Protein backbone atom coordinates (compact mmCIF):
# COMPACT_ATOMS: atom_id res chain seq x y z
CA MET A 1 -14.90 16.04 24.06
CA PRO A 2 -12.98 18.27 25.58
CA PRO A 3 -9.11 18.69 24.89
CA LEU A 4 -6.83 17.01 27.31
CA THR A 5 -4.29 19.71 26.85
CA PRO A 6 -4.94 22.59 25.02
CA PRO A 7 -2.03 23.37 22.69
CA LEU A 8 0.10 26.24 23.46
CA ILE A 9 0.15 27.56 19.93
CA PRO A 10 -3.06 29.48 19.22
CA SER A 11 -4.86 28.26 16.09
CA ALA A 12 -2.83 24.99 15.85
CA ALA A 13 -4.54 22.56 13.47
CA ALA A 14 -4.36 19.11 12.52
CA LEU A 15 -3.86 17.38 9.09
CA VAL A 16 -4.79 13.71 9.18
CA LEU A 17 -3.60 12.01 5.97
CA ALA A 18 -6.03 8.98 4.76
CA ALA A 19 -5.62 9.08 1.29
CA GLY A 20 -3.77 6.04 0.38
CA ASN A 21 -4.90 2.87 -0.89
CA SER A 22 -2.94 0.51 1.53
CA SER A 23 -1.88 -1.66 -1.17
CA ARG A 24 0.52 -3.41 0.88
CA LEU A 25 -2.20 -4.40 3.45
CA GLY A 26 -4.64 -5.44 0.72
CA GLN A 27 -7.71 -3.71 2.58
CA PRO A 28 -8.21 0.08 3.79
CA LYS A 29 -5.79 0.35 6.72
CA GLN A 30 -7.82 3.33 7.78
CA LEU A 31 -11.03 1.47 8.53
CA LEU A 32 -9.10 -1.38 10.62
CA VAL A 33 -10.52 -1.55 14.01
CA TYR A 34 -8.40 -1.35 17.08
CA GLN A 35 -9.90 -1.34 20.65
CA GLY A 36 -13.40 -0.64 19.27
CA GLU A 37 -12.97 2.03 16.47
CA THR A 38 -11.39 2.27 13.27
CA LEU A 39 -7.58 3.59 13.06
CA LEU A 40 -9.05 6.75 11.45
CA HIS A 41 -11.47 7.63 13.87
CA ARG A 42 -8.71 6.92 16.71
CA ALA A 43 -6.29 9.29 14.67
CA VAL A 44 -8.79 12.24 14.52
CA ARG A 45 -10.05 11.58 18.25
CA THR A 46 -6.38 11.75 19.59
CA ALA A 47 -5.54 15.05 17.59
CA LEU A 48 -8.77 16.62 18.99
CA ALA A 49 -8.15 15.46 22.37
CA ALA A 50 -4.66 16.91 22.11
CA GLY A 51 -6.26 20.35 21.55
CA TYR A 52 -5.89 20.83 17.89
CA ALA A 53 -8.40 22.39 15.81
CA PRO A 54 -9.69 22.59 13.21
CA VAL A 55 -8.67 18.69 12.34
CA VAL A 56 -8.95 18.17 8.69
CA VAL A 57 -8.94 14.25 7.10
CA VAL A 58 -7.63 14.12 3.91
CA THR A 59 -9.26 11.27 1.64
CA GLY A 60 -8.40 10.01 -1.39
CA ALA A 61 -8.57 6.28 -2.73
CA LEU A 62 -11.82 6.01 -0.26
CA ASP A 63 -13.85 9.16 0.44
CA ALA A 64 -17.45 8.09 1.61
CA GLU A 65 -16.27 5.34 3.86
CA LEU A 66 -13.78 7.48 5.70
CA ARG A 67 -16.41 10.67 5.86
CA HIS A 68 -18.57 7.98 7.49
CA ALA A 69 -15.82 6.39 9.75
CA VAL A 70 -15.60 9.82 11.37
CA ALA A 71 -19.18 10.84 11.29
CA GLY A 72 -19.90 12.68 14.59
CA LEU A 73 -16.18 13.82 15.42
CA PRO A 74 -15.81 17.73 15.02
CA CYS A 75 -13.62 17.48 11.81
CA GLN A 76 -13.41 18.46 8.50
CA ALA A 77 -13.01 15.91 5.41
CA VAL A 78 -11.63 17.06 2.37
CA HIS A 79 -10.90 14.80 -1.04
CA ASN A 80 -7.75 14.79 -2.81
CA PRO A 81 -8.49 13.66 -6.17
CA ASP A 82 -4.54 13.67 -6.76
CA TRP A 83 -3.99 11.20 -4.09
CA ALA A 84 -1.71 9.15 -5.95
CA ALA A 85 0.54 11.61 -6.76
CA GLY A 86 2.04 11.32 -3.14
CA MET A 87 1.89 12.49 0.48
CA GLY A 88 2.67 16.24 -0.95
CA ALA A 89 -0.43 16.36 -2.99
CA SER A 90 -2.51 15.58 0.31
CA ILE A 91 -0.71 17.95 2.38
CA ARG A 92 -1.47 20.83 -0.04
CA ALA A 93 -5.15 19.61 -0.29
CA GLY A 94 -5.28 19.71 3.66
CA LEU A 95 -3.78 23.18 3.76
CA ALA A 96 -6.02 24.59 1.05
CA ALA A 97 -9.05 23.13 3.22
CA LEU A 98 -7.68 24.88 6.37
CA GLY A 99 -7.16 28.25 4.64
CA PRO A 100 -5.01 31.15 6.16
CA ALA A 101 -6.41 30.83 9.77
CA ALA A 102 -4.21 28.27 11.22
CA THR A 103 -0.53 29.71 12.45
CA ALA A 104 0.66 26.08 12.96
CA VAL A 105 -0.31 22.72 11.63
CA LEU A 106 0.25 19.21 13.02
CA VAL A 107 0.81 16.65 10.06
CA MET A 108 0.20 13.26 11.21
CA SER A 109 -0.95 9.80 9.75
CA SER A 110 -3.96 7.70 10.41
CA ASP A 111 -2.08 4.67 10.66
CA GLN A 112 0.16 5.19 13.83
CA PRO A 113 -2.37 4.02 16.40
CA LEU A 114 -0.19 3.95 19.40
CA ILE A 115 0.42 7.70 19.33
CA THR A 116 -1.35 9.39 22.12
CA ALA A 117 -3.05 12.80 22.74
CA GLY A 118 -0.33 13.60 25.43
CA GLN A 119 2.36 13.02 22.88
CA LEU A 120 0.76 15.17 20.00
CA ALA A 121 0.55 18.00 22.70
CA GLU A 122 3.96 17.27 23.79
CA LEU A 123 5.22 18.28 20.01
CA ALA A 124 3.27 22.16 20.74
CA ARG A 125 4.99 22.45 24.33
CA HIS A 126 8.17 21.49 22.69
CA GLN A 127 8.07 24.15 20.15
CA GLN A 128 7.00 26.53 22.55
CA ALA A 129 9.98 25.96 24.44
CA THR A 130 12.46 25.99 21.79
CA GLY A 131 11.19 28.35 19.35
CA ALA A 132 11.88 25.81 16.36
CA PRO A 133 10.33 26.41 12.87
CA ALA A 134 9.26 22.77 13.11
CA VAL A 135 8.92 19.81 15.59
CA ALA A 136 9.15 16.19 14.68
CA ALA A 137 8.81 12.70 16.15
CA ALA A 138 12.14 11.07 16.57
CA TYR A 139 12.21 7.19 16.68
CA ALA A 140 14.20 4.21 15.47
CA ASP A 141 17.23 6.27 14.80
CA ALA A 142 15.12 8.51 12.37
CA PHE A 143 12.46 11.15 12.53
CA GLY A 144 9.04 12.05 10.77
CA ILE A 145 5.63 12.60 11.51
CA PRO A 146 3.78 13.43 13.46
CA ALA A 147 5.22 16.82 13.10
CA LEU A 148 4.34 19.97 13.89
CA PHE A 149 5.07 23.16 11.46
CA THR A 150 4.79 26.79 13.00
CA ALA A 151 4.09 30.05 10.99
CA SER A 152 7.61 30.13 9.74
CA ALA A 153 7.52 26.72 8.09
CA LEU A 154 4.20 27.03 6.68
CA ALA A 155 5.26 28.60 3.23
CA ASP A 156 7.64 25.63 2.78
CA LEU A 157 4.63 23.41 3.50
CA HIS A 158 2.51 24.98 1.08
CA ASN A 159 5.15 24.56 -1.72
CA ILE A 160 5.78 20.89 -1.11
CA ARG A 161 5.91 18.78 -4.17
CA PRO A 162 3.20 16.31 -4.67
CA GLU A 163 5.32 13.45 -4.74
CA GLN A 164 7.15 14.62 -1.57
CA GLY A 165 6.81 13.29 1.85
CA ALA A 166 7.25 15.51 5.09
CA LYS A 167 10.46 13.87 5.92
CA PRO A 168 12.74 15.59 3.18
CA LEU A 169 11.30 19.03 4.32
CA LEU A 170 11.97 18.62 7.70
CA ALA A 171 15.42 17.63 6.92
CA ARG A 172 15.94 20.80 5.49
CA TYR A 173 15.86 22.76 8.60
CA GLY A 174 18.80 21.05 9.87
CA PRO A 175 19.95 21.68 13.61
CA ALA A 176 17.05 24.16 13.45
CA LEU A 177 14.52 21.31 13.54
CA ALA A 178 13.36 20.06 17.01
CA LEU A 179 12.84 16.36 18.08
CA VAL A 180 10.58 14.85 20.54
CA PRO A 181 11.48 11.18 21.34
CA LEU A 182 8.19 9.21 20.35
CA PRO A 183 9.16 5.67 20.00
CA ASP A 184 5.54 4.65 19.44
CA ALA A 185 5.75 6.58 16.07
CA ALA A 186 7.73 3.98 14.74
CA PHE A 187 4.88 1.52 14.63
CA ASP A 188 2.44 1.85 11.58
CA VAL A 189 -0.18 -0.58 10.38
CA ASP A 190 1.18 -1.30 6.64
CA THR A 191 1.00 -5.00 6.56
CA PRO A 192 -1.16 -8.03 7.67
CA ALA A 193 1.62 -8.84 10.23
CA ALA A 194 1.79 -5.41 11.63
CA TYR A 195 -1.97 -5.36 12.12
CA GLN A 196 -1.97 -8.54 13.90
CA ALA A 197 1.01 -7.31 15.91
CA LEU A 198 -1.11 -4.44 16.89
CA LEU A 199 -4.28 -6.75 17.76
CA ASP A 200 -1.72 -9.10 19.89
CA ARG A 201 -0.68 -6.16 22.19
């Protein structure tokens, strides 16, 4: 599938975090089906369509099932055996799989199915326009992932604590952090009610 909008940052990779056990949902949210595809397949396809490459899927509580869900897509899956330690552990596992080639890394989740390829590409365009070390989605009076970390921020991302999420790291940049309004990022599928709301759309 050719990218819709090639990213303006060379070697901009993507990490799709899919390591959790979906305890609040009661079933693997990565494998829930929306519009004919699993949420994980949709997230990977969206990152690819936005022009990010390579795309690395970080698995955890499930591995074989998630690899099967993205079979046929040009992505790499890496298993994080320490997934229960927190998001930071999965980010570090994904970065280790990427190696030193990536000069910018998009961190995104597999449970934000309303995010579009155009919105992910806008993060890269906004970074080019502002020169910010990191660009995050702004939504519901908050900010967070999907977020793009550039070369100057990758050292911080590599040193993230296992139990730490991306948001505290982004907050450290203060006014240097660039924000792109992405109200669709506020919707994630964490509960049966949220999944039903998604289907009702």
